[in-house]
Amino acid sequence: MEKKLSEKKYNGGCITAIELLKDCKGLRILDVGIGNGEVGKSLYEEAIVDGVTLSRFESADASGFYRNIYIGDFLNLKLDKLYDFVVFSHVLEHCGYPDNFIVKATSLLNTNGRIIVSVPNILFYKFRYQLLFGNWYYEDEGIWDNTHVKYFTESYFNKLSRSCPFVVASMHHRYVFFSNRLNTIRLKGVFKILKFFGSLFIYEFNWVIRKEDFVSEGK
């Protein structure tokens, strides 16, 4: 049986994005690629959350946690609202031209709005090992997901930022040191040590970005 993106349901993976939005009372948030609705379920009581998905199944499962869920290709949807945050949590690796998605998202931001981008790191030590020995296979989920068409490194994202109208406001990468997951939001001291190893132990990149022409107060 032929598998279609519109029929696939994705699991969660929005832990860091949700932590970055913990002080979101009254904010307007657009969750692009809602997956299992993790963002909406975590924030709907405090924030105004809209969602975008290709899957009618995802929409049906998460409808009670979003103000609106728009079904369709994000690039082709006509959205007339502005948001404080647009969230791409494990979405851009499924997009052939992620810069197009980011450019559209910037047009949906309020003056001081932000975009949260979460993507897996293809240079994480475990993935490097699998690539080195050719020991990897396409799967239904994870880094080798059948629908992944872009693989991210820090240098690739930096190159992307130079060609798009945005700048990186902050980074909150998620580290995995063998069996232990370390979040840089809570363990900044450990982060300084692990940073020495470059991206080797970064499991997930998390960038908060803003419009290039936005100037905050005091600057």
N, C-alpha and C. Protein backbone atom coordinates (compact mmCIF):
# COMPACT_ATOMS: atom_id res chain seq x y z
N MET A 1 0.83 -1.20 0.00
CA MET A 1 0.00 0.00 0.00
C MET A 1 0.87 1.26 0.00
N GLU A 2 0.54 2.21 -0.87
CA GLU A 2 1.31 3.44 -0.96
C GLU A 2 1.12 4.28 0.30
N LYS A 3 2.22 4.78 0.86
CA LYS A 3 2.15 5.62 2.04
C LYS A 3 2.17 7.09 1.61
N LYS A 4 1.34 7.90 2.27
CA LYS A 4 1.23 9.31 1.95
C LYS A 4 1.54 10.16 3.18
N LEU A 5 2.16 11.31 2.93
CA LEU A 5 2.46 12.22 4.04
C LEU A 5 1.20 12.68 4.74
N SER A 6 0.12 12.82 3.96
CA SER A 6 -1.14 13.31 4.54
C SER A 6 -1.78 12.30 5.48
N GLU A 7 -1.25 11.06 5.49
CA GLU A 7 -1.81 10.02 6.35
C GLU A 7 -0.86 9.63 7.48
N LYS A 8 0.34 10.25 7.50
CA LYS A 8 1.33 9.90 8.51
C LYS A 8 1.15 10.75 9.75
N LYS A 9 1.33 10.12 10.92
CA LYS A 9 1.30 10.84 12.19
C LYS A 9 2.69 10.76 12.80
N TYR A 10 3.24 11.94 13.16
CA TYR A 10 4.58 11.99 13.72
C TYR A 10 4.51 12.04 15.24
N ASN A 11 5.50 11.42 15.87
CA ASN A 11 5.58 11.45 17.32
C ASN A 11 6.17 12.78 17.80
N GLY A 12 6.24 12.95 19.12
CA GLY A 12 6.73 14.19 19.70
C GLY A 12 8.22 14.38 19.50
N GLY A 13 8.75 15.41 20.12
CA GLY A 13 10.16 15.75 19.99
C GLY A 13 10.33 17.23 20.22
N CYS A 14 9.36 17.82 20.92
CA CYS A 14 9.31 19.28 21.09
C CYS A 14 9.74 19.72 22.47
N ILE A 15 10.53 18.90 23.17
CA ILE A 15 10.85 19.18 24.57
C ILE A 15 11.48 20.55 24.75
N THR A 16 12.54 20.83 23.99
CA THR A 16 13.24 22.10 24.16
C THR A 16 12.39 23.27 23.70
N ALA A 17 11.67 23.12 22.60
CA ALA A 17 10.80 24.20 22.12
C ALA A 17 9.78 24.58 23.18
N ILE A 18 9.21 23.58 23.84
CA ILE A 18 8.22 23.85 24.88
C ILE A 18 8.86 24.55 26.06
N GLU A 19 10.07 24.14 26.44
CA GLU A 19 10.76 24.80 27.55
C GLU A 19 11.07 26.25 27.22
N LEU A 20 11.39 26.54 25.97
CA LEU A 20 11.67 27.91 25.57
C LEU A 20 10.41 28.77 25.57
N LEU A 21 9.25 28.13 25.56
CA LEU A 21 7.97 28.85 25.53
C LEU A 21 7.25 28.80 26.87
N LYS A 22 7.97 28.46 27.93
CA LYS A 22 7.30 28.24 29.22
C LYS A 22 6.67 29.51 29.78
N ASP A 23 7.19 30.70 29.42
CA ASP A 23 6.59 31.96 29.87
C ASP A 23 5.79 32.57 28.71
N CYS A 24 4.72 31.90 28.34
CA CYS A 24 4.02 32.25 27.10
C CYS A 24 2.61 32.79 27.33
N LYS A 25 2.28 33.17 28.53
CA LYS A 25 0.92 33.58 28.85
C LYS A 25 0.45 34.70 27.92
N GLY A 26 -0.66 34.43 27.22
CA GLY A 26 -1.26 35.42 26.33
C GLY A 26 -0.61 35.56 24.98
N LEU A 27 0.49 34.84 24.73
CA LEU A 27 1.19 34.97 23.45
C LEU A 27 0.48 34.20 22.35
N ARG A 28 0.69 34.65 21.14
CA ARG A 28 0.15 33.97 19.95
C ARG A 28 1.26 33.11 19.35
N ILE A 29 1.00 31.83 19.20
CA ILE A 29 2.01 30.87 18.74
C ILE A 29 1.47 30.09 17.55
N LEU A 30 2.30 29.94 16.52
CA LEU A 30 1.96 29.10 15.37
C LEU A 30 2.89 27.90 15.36
N ASP A 31 2.32 26.72 15.51
CA ASP A 31 3.07 25.46 15.54
C ASP A 31 2.99 24.83 14.16
N VAL A 32 4.07 24.92 13.40
CA VAL A 32 4.08 24.38 12.03
C VAL A 32 4.55 22.93 12.08
N GLY A 33 3.66 22.03 11.68
CA GLY A 33 3.96 20.60 11.77
C GLY A 33 3.65 20.11 13.17
N ILE A 34 2.37 19.96 13.50
CA ILE A 34 1.95 19.74 14.89
C ILE A 34 2.29 18.35 15.42
N GLY A 35 2.54 17.39 14.53
CA GLY A 35 2.86 16.04 15.02
C GLY A 35 1.75 15.50 15.90
N ASN A 36 2.11 15.06 17.10
CA ASN A 36 1.10 14.53 18.01
C ASN A 36 0.46 15.62 18.88
N GLY A 37 0.71 16.89 18.50
CA GLY A 37 0.06 18.00 19.20
C GLY A 37 0.73 18.36 20.51
N GLU A 38 1.99 17.99 20.67
CA GLU A 38 2.70 18.18 21.94
C GLU A 38 2.76 19.65 22.35
N VAL A 39 3.01 20.53 21.39
CA VAL A 39 3.09 21.97 21.70
C VAL A 39 1.73 22.48 22.16
N GLY A 40 0.69 22.15 21.41
CA GLY A 40 -0.65 22.59 21.79
C GLY A 40 -1.09 22.06 23.13
N LYS A 41 -0.84 20.79 23.39
CA LYS A 41 -1.24 20.17 24.65
C LYS A 41 -0.54 20.81 25.84
N SER A 42 0.69 21.24 25.64
CA SER A 42 1.47 21.81 26.74
C SER A 42 1.16 23.28 27.00
N LEU A 43 0.69 23.99 25.97
CA LEU A 43 0.60 25.45 26.08
C LEU A 43 -0.80 26.03 25.93
N TYR A 44 -1.79 25.22 25.53
CA TYR A 44 -3.08 25.79 25.16
C TYR A 44 -3.80 26.51 26.29
N GLU A 45 -3.51 26.15 27.54
CA GLU A 45 -4.18 26.79 28.66
C GLU A 45 -3.67 28.20 28.93
N GLU A 46 -2.47 28.52 28.46
CA GLU A 46 -1.89 29.84 28.70
C GLU A 46 -1.76 30.69 27.44
N ALA A 47 -1.48 30.05 26.32
CA ALA A 47 -1.22 30.79 25.08
C ALA A 47 -2.35 30.57 24.07
N ILE A 48 -2.31 31.36 23.01
CA ILE A 48 -3.23 31.18 21.88
C ILE A 48 -2.43 30.45 20.81
N VAL A 49 -2.75 29.20 20.59
CA VAL A 49 -1.93 28.34 19.73
C VAL A 49 -2.70 27.91 18.49
N ASP A 50 -2.15 28.20 17.33
CA ASP A 50 -2.65 27.69 16.06
C ASP A 50 -1.66 26.65 15.53
N GLY A 51 -2.13 25.77 14.67
CA GLY A 51 -1.26 24.74 14.14
C GLY A 51 -1.40 24.56 12.64
N VAL A 52 -0.37 23.99 12.04
CA VAL A 52 -0.37 23.65 10.61
C VAL A 52 0.07 22.20 10.47
N THR A 53 -0.63 21.46 9.63
CA THR A 53 -0.25 20.06 9.38
C THR A 53 -0.70 19.65 7.99
N LEU A 54 0.00 18.66 7.44
CA LEU A 54 -0.44 18.04 6.19
C LEU A 54 -1.41 16.89 6.45
N SER A 55 -1.45 16.43 7.70
CA SER A 55 -2.17 15.21 8.03
C SER A 55 -3.53 15.47 8.66
N ARG A 56 -4.57 14.95 8.05
CA ARG A 56 -5.91 15.08 8.63
C ARG A 56 -6.02 14.25 9.91
N PHE A 57 -5.21 13.22 10.04
CA PHE A 57 -5.22 12.40 11.24
C PHE A 57 -4.61 13.16 12.42
N GLU A 58 -3.49 13.86 12.17
CA GLU A 58 -2.90 14.69 13.22
C GLU A 58 -3.88 15.78 13.65
N SER A 59 -4.55 16.37 12.68
CA SER A 59 -5.52 17.43 12.98
C SER A 59 -6.65 16.92 13.85
N ALA A 60 -7.17 15.76 13.53
CA ALA A 60 -8.28 15.19 14.30
C ALA A 60 -7.86 14.86 15.73
N ASP A 61 -6.65 14.34 15.89
CA ASP A 61 -6.18 13.94 17.22
C ASP A 61 -5.89 15.14 18.13
N ALA A 62 -5.47 16.25 17.53
CA ALA A 62 -5.01 17.39 18.35
C ALA A 62 -5.96 18.58 18.34
N SER A 63 -7.10 18.44 17.73
CA SER A 63 -7.99 19.59 17.52
C SER A 63 -8.41 20.28 18.81
N GLY A 64 -8.50 19.57 19.91
CA GLY A 64 -8.95 20.17 21.16
C GLY A 64 -7.92 21.05 21.84
N PHE A 65 -6.70 21.09 21.30
CA PHE A 65 -5.61 21.82 21.95
C PHE A 65 -5.11 23.01 21.13
N TYR A 66 -5.77 23.29 20.02
CA TYR A 66 -5.39 24.41 19.16
C TYR A 66 -6.61 25.26 18.86
N ARG A 67 -6.41 26.58 18.76
CA ARG A 67 -7.50 27.45 18.37
C ARG A 67 -7.94 27.14 16.94
N ASN A 68 -6.97 27.08 16.04
CA ASN A 68 -7.21 26.71 14.65
C ASN A 68 -6.13 25.74 14.21
N ILE A 69 -6.51 24.77 13.39
CA ILE A 69 -5.52 23.90 12.75
C ILE A 69 -5.74 24.02 11.24
N TYR A 70 -4.71 24.46 10.55
CA TYR A 70 -4.78 24.62 9.10
C TYR A 70 -4.16 23.39 8.44
N ILE A 71 -4.93 22.75 7.57
CA ILE A 71 -4.45 21.54 6.89
C ILE A 71 -4.00 21.92 5.48
N GLY A 72 -2.73 21.68 5.20
CA GLY A 72 -2.20 21.99 3.88
C GLY A 72 -0.73 22.32 3.93
N ASP A 73 -0.17 22.63 2.78
CA ASP A 73 1.24 22.99 2.65
C ASP A 73 1.43 24.40 3.22
N PHE A 74 2.29 24.53 4.21
CA PHE A 74 2.51 25.82 4.87
C PHE A 74 2.83 26.93 3.88
N LEU A 75 3.61 26.62 2.85
CA LEU A 75 4.01 27.63 1.88
C LEU A 75 2.84 28.15 1.06
N ASN A 76 1.82 27.34 0.90
CA ASN A 76 0.67 27.73 0.07
C ASN A 76 -0.53 28.23 0.87
N LEU A 77 -0.47 28.10 2.19
CA LEU A 77 -1.58 28.56 3.01
C LEU A 77 -1.60 30.09 3.08
N LYS A 78 -2.79 30.66 3.04
CA LYS A 78 -2.95 32.10 3.18
C LYS A 78 -3.33 32.39 4.64
N LEU A 79 -2.35 32.81 5.41
CA LEU A 79 -2.56 33.08 6.82
C LEU A 79 -2.56 34.60 7.03
N ASP A 80 -3.59 35.10 7.70
CA ASP A 80 -3.73 36.55 7.85
C ASP A 80 -3.51 37.02 9.29
N LYS A 81 -2.90 36.18 10.11
CA LYS A 81 -2.63 36.54 11.51
C LYS A 81 -1.13 36.71 11.73
N LEU A 82 -0.77 37.50 12.74
CA LEU A 82 0.62 37.66 13.13
C LEU A 82 0.85 36.97 14.47
N TYR A 83 2.07 36.48 14.68
CA TYR A 83 2.36 35.66 15.85
C TYR A 83 3.60 36.17 16.60
N ASP A 84 3.62 35.85 17.88
CA ASP A 84 4.80 36.15 18.71
C ASP A 84 5.88 35.09 18.51
N PHE A 85 5.45 33.85 18.24
CA PHE A 85 6.39 32.77 17.97
C PHE A 85 5.85 31.89 16.85
N VAL A 86 6.73 31.50 15.95
CA VAL A 86 6.44 30.44 14.98
C VAL A 86 7.41 29.30 15.31
N VAL A 87 6.88 28.09 15.47
CA VAL A 87 7.67 26.94 15.90
C VAL A 87 7.82 25.93 14.77
N PHE A 88 9.07 25.61 14.45
CA PHE A 88 9.39 24.50 13.53
C PHE A 88 10.14 23.47 14.35
N SER A 89 9.45 22.56 14.99
CA SER A 89 10.11 21.54 15.80
C SER A 89 10.16 20.23 15.03
N HIS A 90 11.34 19.90 14.56
CA HIS A 90 11.56 18.69 13.76
C HIS A 90 10.68 18.68 12.52
N VAL A 91 10.74 19.80 11.81
CA VAL A 91 9.96 20.00 10.59
C VAL A 91 10.86 20.28 9.39
N LEU A 92 11.86 21.15 9.56
CA LEU A 92 12.63 21.62 8.41
C LEU A 92 13.46 20.53 7.76
N GLU A 93 13.76 19.45 8.50
CA GLU A 93 14.49 18.34 7.88
C GLU A 93 13.63 17.59 6.86
N HIS A 94 12.33 17.88 6.87
CA HIS A 94 11.41 17.28 5.90
C HIS A 94 11.19 18.17 4.68
N CYS A 95 11.88 19.32 4.63
CA CYS A 95 11.63 20.33 3.60
C CYS A 95 12.83 20.46 2.67
N GLY A 96 12.59 20.35 1.38
CA GLY A 96 13.67 20.46 0.41
C GLY A 96 14.33 21.83 0.42
N TYR A 97 13.54 22.87 0.67
CA TYR A 97 14.05 24.24 0.70
C TYR A 97 13.62 24.91 2.00
N PRO A 98 14.31 24.60 3.10
CA PRO A 98 13.90 25.14 4.41
C PRO A 98 13.94 26.66 4.47
N ASP A 99 14.79 27.29 3.65
CA ASP A 99 14.86 28.74 3.66
C ASP A 99 13.52 29.37 3.26
N ASN A 100 12.79 28.72 2.36
CA ASN A 100 11.48 29.23 1.95
C ASN A 100 10.51 29.24 3.13
N PHE A 101 10.59 28.23 3.97
CA PHE A 101 9.71 28.14 5.13
C PHE A 101 10.05 29.22 6.17
N ILE A 102 11.35 29.45 6.36
CA ILE A 102 11.76 30.46 7.32
C ILE A 102 11.39 31.86 6.84
N VAL A 103 11.58 32.12 5.55
CA VAL A 103 11.23 33.43 5.00
C VAL A 103 9.73 33.69 5.16
N LYS A 104 8.90 32.70 4.88
CA LYS A 104 7.46 32.90 5.07
C LYS A 104 7.14 33.12 6.54
N ALA A 105 7.79 32.36 7.43
CA ALA A 105 7.53 32.52 8.86
C ALA A 105 7.86 33.92 9.34
N THR A 106 8.94 34.51 8.82
CA THR A 106 9.29 35.87 9.25
C THR A 106 8.21 36.87 8.87
N SER A 107 7.47 36.59 7.79
CA SER A 107 6.40 37.50 7.37
C SER A 107 5.18 37.39 8.27
N LEU A 108 5.14 36.35 9.12
CA LEU A 108 4.00 36.14 10.02
C LEU A 108 4.31 36.58 11.45
N LEU A 109 5.47 37.19 11.66
CA LEU A 109 5.87 37.58 13.01
C LEU A 109 5.42 38.99 13.36
N ASN A 110 5.09 39.19 14.64
CA ASN A 110 4.93 40.53 15.17
C ASN A 110 6.29 41.23 15.14
N THR A 111 6.30 42.50 15.47
CA THR A 111 7.53 43.30 15.38
C THR A 111 8.70 42.65 16.11
N ASN A 112 8.46 42.16 17.32
CA ASN A 112 9.54 41.53 18.09
C ASN A 112 9.36 40.02 18.18
N GLY A 113 8.70 39.43 17.18
CA GLY A 113 8.43 38.00 17.18
C GLY A 113 9.69 37.16 16.96
N ARG A 114 9.58 35.89 17.29
CA ARG A 114 10.70 34.97 17.19
C ARG A 114 10.26 33.67 16.49
N ILE A 115 11.23 33.00 15.89
CA ILE A 115 11.02 31.68 15.30
C ILE A 115 11.90 30.70 16.07
N ILE A 116 11.32 29.57 16.46
CA ILE A 116 12.09 28.51 17.12
C ILE A 116 12.28 27.37 16.12
N VAL A 117 13.53 27.02 15.88
CA VAL A 117 13.87 25.95 14.96
C VAL A 117 14.56 24.83 15.73
N SER A 118 14.00 23.63 15.68
CA SER A 118 14.61 22.44 16.30
C SER A 118 14.81 21.39 15.21
N VAL A 119 16.05 20.93 15.06
CA VAL A 119 16.37 19.91 14.06
C VAL A 119 17.41 18.96 14.62
N PRO A 120 17.44 17.71 14.16
CA PRO A 120 18.49 16.78 14.61
C PRO A 120 19.83 17.12 13.97
N ASN A 121 20.90 16.76 14.64
CA ASN A 121 22.26 17.02 14.17
C ASN A 121 22.81 15.76 13.50
N ILE A 122 23.05 15.83 12.21
CA ILE A 122 23.54 14.67 11.48
C ILE A 122 24.97 14.30 11.90
N LEU A 123 25.69 15.23 12.56
CA LEU A 123 27.06 14.96 12.99
C LEU A 123 27.15 14.51 14.45
N PHE A 124 26.03 14.17 15.04
CA PHE A 124 26.02 13.56 16.38
C PHE A 124 26.85 12.27 16.32
N TYR A 125 27.57 11.98 17.41
CA TYR A 125 28.57 10.90 17.36
C TYR A 125 27.99 9.56 16.89
N LYS A 126 26.78 9.25 17.32
CA LYS A 126 26.18 7.96 16.95
C LYS A 126 25.92 7.90 15.45
N PHE A 127 25.45 9.02 14.88
CA PHE A 127 25.16 9.05 13.45
C PHE A 127 26.45 9.02 12.63
N ARG A 128 27.51 9.66 13.14
CA ARG A 128 28.81 9.62 12.46
C ARG A 128 29.31 8.17 12.38
N TYR A 129 29.15 7.44 13.47
CA TYR A 129 29.59 6.04 13.51
C TYR A 129 28.81 5.22 12.47
N GLN A 130 27.49 5.44 12.41
CA GLN A 130 26.68 4.69 11.46
C GLN A 130 27.06 5.00 10.02
N LEU A 131 27.35 6.27 9.75
CA LEU A 131 27.75 6.66 8.39
C LEU A 131 29.13 6.11 8.05
N LEU A 132 30.05 6.17 9.01
CA LEU A 132 31.42 5.72 8.77
C LEU A 132 31.46 4.26 8.34
N PHE A 133 30.64 3.41 9.00
CA PHE A 133 30.66 1.98 8.71
C PHE A 133 29.50 1.54 7.81
N GLY A 134 28.74 2.52 7.28
CA GLY A 134 27.64 2.19 6.38
C GLY A 134 26.54 1.40 7.04
N ASN A 135 26.43 1.55 8.37
CA ASN A 135 25.47 0.76 9.13
C ASN A 135 24.22 1.58 9.46
N TRP A 136 23.48 1.96 8.41
CA TRP A 136 22.26 2.71 8.64
C TRP A 136 21.23 2.34 7.57
N TYR A 137 19.97 2.51 7.92
CA TYR A 137 18.87 2.15 7.04
C TYR A 137 17.75 3.17 7.22
N TYR A 138 17.01 3.43 6.17
CA TYR A 138 15.84 4.30 6.30
C TYR A 138 14.80 3.63 7.19
N GLU A 139 14.17 4.43 8.04
CA GLU A 139 13.20 3.93 9.01
C GLU A 139 11.96 4.80 9.00
N ASP A 140 10.97 4.43 9.81
CA ASP A 140 9.73 5.19 9.88
C ASP A 140 9.82 6.41 10.79
N GLU A 141 10.88 6.51 11.59
CA GLU A 141 11.08 7.67 12.46
C GLU A 141 12.55 7.78 12.81
N GLY A 142 12.92 8.85 13.51
CA GLY A 142 14.31 9.04 13.89
C GLY A 142 15.10 9.77 12.80
N ILE A 143 16.42 9.84 12.97
CA ILE A 143 17.26 10.60 12.05
C ILE A 143 17.18 10.06 10.63
N TRP A 144 16.98 8.76 10.48
CA TRP A 144 16.92 8.15 9.16
C TRP A 144 15.48 7.99 8.67
N ASP A 145 14.61 8.86 9.12
CA ASP A 145 13.20 8.85 8.70
C ASP A 145 13.09 8.87 7.18
N ASN A 146 12.18 8.07 6.66
CA ASN A 146 11.99 7.99 5.21
C ASN A 146 11.67 9.33 4.56
N THR A 147 11.12 10.26 5.34
CA THR A 147 10.70 11.54 4.77
C THR A 147 11.70 12.68 5.02
N HIS A 148 12.87 12.37 5.59
CA HIS A 148 13.89 13.40 5.76
C HIS A 148 14.59 13.65 4.42
N VAL A 149 14.65 14.91 4.04
CA VAL A 149 15.31 15.26 2.78
C VAL A 149 16.44 16.27 3.00
N LYS A 150 16.57 16.81 4.22
CA LYS A 150 17.66 17.73 4.56
C LYS A 150 18.30 17.29 5.87
N TYR A 151 19.63 17.33 5.90
CA TYR A 151 20.37 16.97 7.10
C TYR A 151 21.16 18.19 7.57
N PHE A 152 21.00 18.53 8.84
CA PHE A 152 21.52 19.79 9.36
C PHE A 152 22.83 19.62 10.12
N THR A 153 23.72 20.57 9.89
CA THR A 153 24.91 20.79 10.70
C THR A 153 24.89 22.26 11.09
N GLU A 154 25.73 22.62 12.05
CA GLU A 154 25.77 24.02 12.47
C GLU A 154 26.25 24.92 11.34
N SER A 155 27.23 24.45 10.57
CA SER A 155 27.75 25.26 9.47
C SER A 155 26.70 25.44 8.37
N TYR A 156 25.89 24.40 8.13
CA TYR A 156 24.84 24.54 7.12
C TYR A 156 23.81 25.57 7.55
N PHE A 157 23.43 25.56 8.83
CA PHE A 157 22.45 26.53 9.29
C PHE A 157 23.03 27.94 9.24
N ASN A 158 24.30 28.10 9.56
CA ASN A 158 24.94 29.41 9.47
C ASN A 158 24.93 29.92 8.04
N LYS A 159 25.17 29.02 7.09
CA LYS A 159 25.11 29.39 5.68
C LYS A 159 23.69 29.80 5.32
N LEU A 160 22.72 29.08 5.83
CA LEU A 160 21.32 29.39 5.58
C LEU A 160 20.98 30.78 6.10
N SER A 161 21.50 31.10 7.27
CA SER A 161 21.19 32.40 7.89
C SER A 161 21.75 33.56 7.08
N ARG A 162 22.82 33.31 6.35
CA ARG A 162 23.41 34.38 5.54
C ARG A 162 22.60 34.66 4.28
N SER A 163 21.75 33.72 3.90
CA SER A 163 20.96 33.90 2.68
C SER A 163 19.50 34.22 2.97
N CYS A 164 19.13 34.33 4.25
CA CYS A 164 17.75 34.59 4.64
C CYS A 164 17.69 35.85 5.50
N PRO A 165 16.51 36.50 5.54
CA PRO A 165 16.38 37.76 6.31
C PRO A 165 16.16 37.51 7.80
N PHE A 166 17.08 36.79 8.44
CA PHE A 166 16.97 36.56 9.88
C PHE A 166 18.35 36.48 10.50
N VAL A 167 18.39 36.67 11.81
CA VAL A 167 19.63 36.50 12.56
C VAL A 167 19.33 35.61 13.76
N VAL A 168 20.35 34.91 14.23
CA VAL A 168 20.19 34.02 15.39
C VAL A 168 20.21 34.86 16.66
N ALA A 169 19.13 34.79 17.44
CA ALA A 169 19.05 35.52 18.70
C ALA A 169 19.67 34.74 19.84
N SER A 170 19.49 33.41 19.83
CA SER A 170 20.08 32.57 20.88
C SER A 170 20.08 31.11 20.43
N MET A 171 20.91 30.29 21.10
CA MET A 171 21.01 28.87 20.81
C MET A 171 20.80 28.07 22.10
N HIS A 172 20.09 26.97 22.00
CA HIS A 172 19.79 26.14 23.17
C HIS A 172 19.86 24.67 22.76
N HIS A 173 21.04 24.23 22.40
CA HIS A 173 21.18 22.89 21.85
C HIS A 173 21.01 21.82 22.94
N ARG A 174 20.55 20.66 22.51
CA ARG A 174 20.35 19.54 23.44
C ARG A 174 21.48 18.54 23.23
N TYR A 175 22.19 18.28 24.32
CA TYR A 175 23.34 17.38 24.28
C TYR A 175 22.95 15.99 24.78
N VAL A 176 23.56 14.98 24.20
CA VAL A 176 23.42 13.61 24.69
C VAL A 176 24.83 13.05 24.86
N PHE A 177 25.19 12.73 26.09
CA PHE A 177 26.50 12.16 26.38
C PHE A 177 26.31 10.69 26.68
N PHE A 178 26.44 9.87 25.64
CA PHE A 178 26.15 8.44 25.70
C PHE A 178 24.70 8.25 26.14
N SER A 179 24.41 7.79 27.35
CA SER A 179 23.02 7.48 27.69
C SER A 179 22.31 8.64 28.38
N ASN A 180 23.03 9.75 28.69
CA ASN A 180 22.43 10.84 29.45
C ASN A 180 22.12 12.03 28.55
N ARG A 181 20.91 12.54 28.67
CA ARG A 181 20.52 13.73 27.92
C ARG A 181 20.73 14.96 28.79
N LEU A 182 21.42 15.94 28.25
CA LEU A 182 21.70 17.15 28.99
C LEU A 182 21.11 18.34 28.23
N ASN A 183 20.34 19.15 28.91
CA ASN A 183 19.73 20.31 28.29
C ASN A 183 20.51 21.55 28.70
N THR A 184 21.00 22.30 27.72
CA THR A 184 21.83 23.46 28.02
C THR A 184 21.06 24.56 28.73
N ILE A 185 19.75 24.53 28.69
CA ILE A 185 18.98 25.54 29.40
C ILE A 185 19.19 25.40 30.90
N ARG A 186 19.33 24.17 31.38
CA ARG A 186 19.46 23.92 32.81
C ARG A 186 20.90 23.69 33.25
N LEU A 187 21.75 23.21 32.33
CA LEU A 187 23.10 22.81 32.72
C LEU A 187 24.15 23.59 31.93
N LYS A 188 24.19 24.88 32.16
CA LYS A 188 25.07 25.73 31.38
C LYS A 188 26.53 25.46 31.68
N GLY A 189 26.85 25.02 32.90
CA GLY A 189 28.24 24.70 33.23
C GLY A 189 28.73 23.51 32.43
N VAL A 190 27.90 22.48 32.34
CA VAL A 190 28.24 21.30 31.55
C VAL A 190 28.37 21.67 30.07
N PHE A 191 27.52 22.60 29.65
CA PHE A 191 27.54 23.05 28.26
C PHE A 191 28.92 23.59 27.87
N LYS A 192 29.55 24.33 28.77
CA LYS A 192 30.87 24.91 28.48
C LYS A 192 31.91 23.82 28.25
N ILE A 193 31.78 22.71 28.98
CA ILE A 193 32.72 21.59 28.82
C ILE A 193 32.46 20.86 27.50
N LEU A 194 31.18 20.55 27.25
CA LEU A 194 30.84 19.80 26.05
C LEU A 194 31.09 20.59 24.77
N LYS A 195 31.04 21.92 24.88
CA LYS A 195 31.27 22.76 23.71
C LYS A 195 32.66 22.53 23.13
N PHE A 196 33.58 22.09 23.97
CA PHE A 196 34.94 21.80 23.53
C PHE A 196 34.95 20.74 22.44
N PHE A 197 33.98 19.82 22.49
CA PHE A 197 33.92 18.72 21.52
C PHE A 197 33.16 19.10 20.25
N GLY A 198 32.82 20.38 20.09
CA GLY A 198 32.08 20.81 18.92
C GLY A 198 30.69 20.20 18.90
N SER A 199 30.27 19.72 17.75
CA SER A 199 28.91 19.19 17.62
C SER A 199 28.83 17.68 17.87
N LEU A 200 29.91 17.08 18.34
CA LEU A 200 29.97 15.63 18.49
C LEU A 200 28.87 15.09 19.40
N PHE A 201 28.56 15.81 20.48
CA PHE A 201 27.56 15.35 21.43
C PHE A 201 26.26 16.15 21.37
N ILE A 202 26.11 16.98 20.34
CA ILE A 202 24.84 17.69 20.16
C ILE A 202 23.88 16.77 19.42
N TYR A 203 22.82 16.38 20.10
CA TYR A 203 21.82 15.52 19.49
C TYR A 203 20.80 16.34 18.69
N GLU A 204 20.50 17.52 19.21
CA GLU A 204 19.45 18.34 18.60
C GLU A 204 19.85 19.81 18.65
N PHE A 205 19.83 20.46 17.50
CA PHE A 205 20.06 21.90 17.43
C PHE A 205 18.75 22.63 17.74
N ASN A 206 18.85 23.72 18.51
CA ASN A 206 17.69 24.58 18.78
C ASN A 206 18.13 26.02 18.65
N TRP A 207 17.59 26.70 17.65
CA TRP A 207 17.90 28.11 17.43
C TRP A 207 16.65 28.95 17.63
N VAL A 208 16.81 30.09 18.28
CA VAL A 208 15.77 31.10 18.31
C VAL A 208 16.23 32.22 17.39
N ILE A 209 15.43 32.53 16.39
CA ILE A 209 15.84 33.52 15.40
C ILE A 209 14.81 34.64 15.31
N ARG A 210 15.23 35.76 14.80
CA ARG A 210 14.37 36.93 14.67
C ARG A 210 14.59 37.57 13.31
N LYS A 211 13.70 38.50 12.96
CA LYS A 211 13.86 39.23 11.71
C LYS A 211 15.17 40.00 11.70
N GLU A 212 15.78 40.04 10.55
CA GLU A 212 17.07 40.71 10.42
C GLU A 212 16.97 42.20 10.72
N ASP A 213 15.85 42.83 10.37
CA ASP A 213 15.72 44.28 10.51
C ASP A 213 15.16 44.70 11.86
N PHE A 214 14.95 43.72 12.80
CA PHE A 214 14.42 44.08 14.12
C PHE A 214 15.53 44.60 15.02
N VAL A 215 15.31 45.74 15.65
CA VAL A 215 16.28 46.29 16.59
C VAL A 215 15.61 46.40 17.94
N SER A 216 16.15 45.70 18.95
CA SER A 216 15.53 45.70 20.27
C SER A 216 15.83 47.00 20.99
N GLU A 217 15.08 47.27 22.04
CA GLU A 217 15.25 48.49 22.82
C GLU A 217 16.65 48.53 23.43
N GLY A 218 17.24 49.71 23.40
CA GLY A 218 18.55 49.87 24.02
C GLY A 218 19.69 49.66 23.04
N LYS A 219 19.37 49.28 21.80
CA LYS A 219 20.42 49.11 20.79
C LYS A 219 20.43 50.28 19.83
